[in-house]
């Protein structure tokens, strides 16, 4: 039995996973970091999520050799599950590795209706993420402020990933960068993407930092060509992605709002917007 088979067996016979009843799954990876970091940290993620959703399943991948002592109390405090792994740790960057770990889990546990696969170091929830309305679509795309038609350092970085994947510029040169730090959609929408990545990209630059975002944009813009996708510009989106956002707007409750005056449901890259992380810490830990 190889390492992947061992891992699948571990998931299949995991009693905690078998006892899950929620139809909503939040999943991500967190390891070798303190629970409070200069980007936010895991406790901001978990505390804010549990304020707005008490019952969704929360699963956190963590390399078995990188589990920190301070993680253990979080399992009971926030009703979440840390799952240890070693598979792929020597062959894939952590950002692509998490895709394949989650793919294996969703192969086995297919009763979820909605899935949010998210970064966990720089995310804050203002509302229940599962209230994001995708209508008849399968995927919600969190568009950044960056458009490939207006070059800057961010678009250059994203363009380099797409170039590594041999995606022609005419596929995306008028499109917005899509953030891969908050993958949200129906079970079938997220599972289809993970299956595609596993079957087609497993050996494509597997150790490259950030290439998971290249995979995501290739899938949206070149493979499914935006079919079944809800594309929301950051100005009227439910998800704020903080890259190159110079300032934030808030309502009288102190919640961050978009240009339509609606509260963002998820705030991502909270350390990149000047003053936002401090605002969140005050609101979450001292004003709640």
Foldseek 3Di string as FASTA:
>chain_A
DDQVVVLLVCLQPPPVNVPQDALEEEEEEDFLDDQQDLQGHQVQQQLQQCVAPVRHEYEYEYAPVGDDPVVVVCCVVRVYYYDYGDPCVVPFAPVLVRLQSVLSNCVNDVSHFKYKYADRGHKHFPHHPVVFDLDQFFWEWAFAPAALLDDDPVNVVLVVLLVLVVNDCVLGNGHTQTDPRITIGTSVSSNVLSVCCVVPPCNRPRHDPPSVSVSVCCCCRPNCNVVRYDYDYCQQALEHEQPPDAAFDADPVLATAHNVRHGRRMYGSQSNHPPRSVSSCCCSPPVD
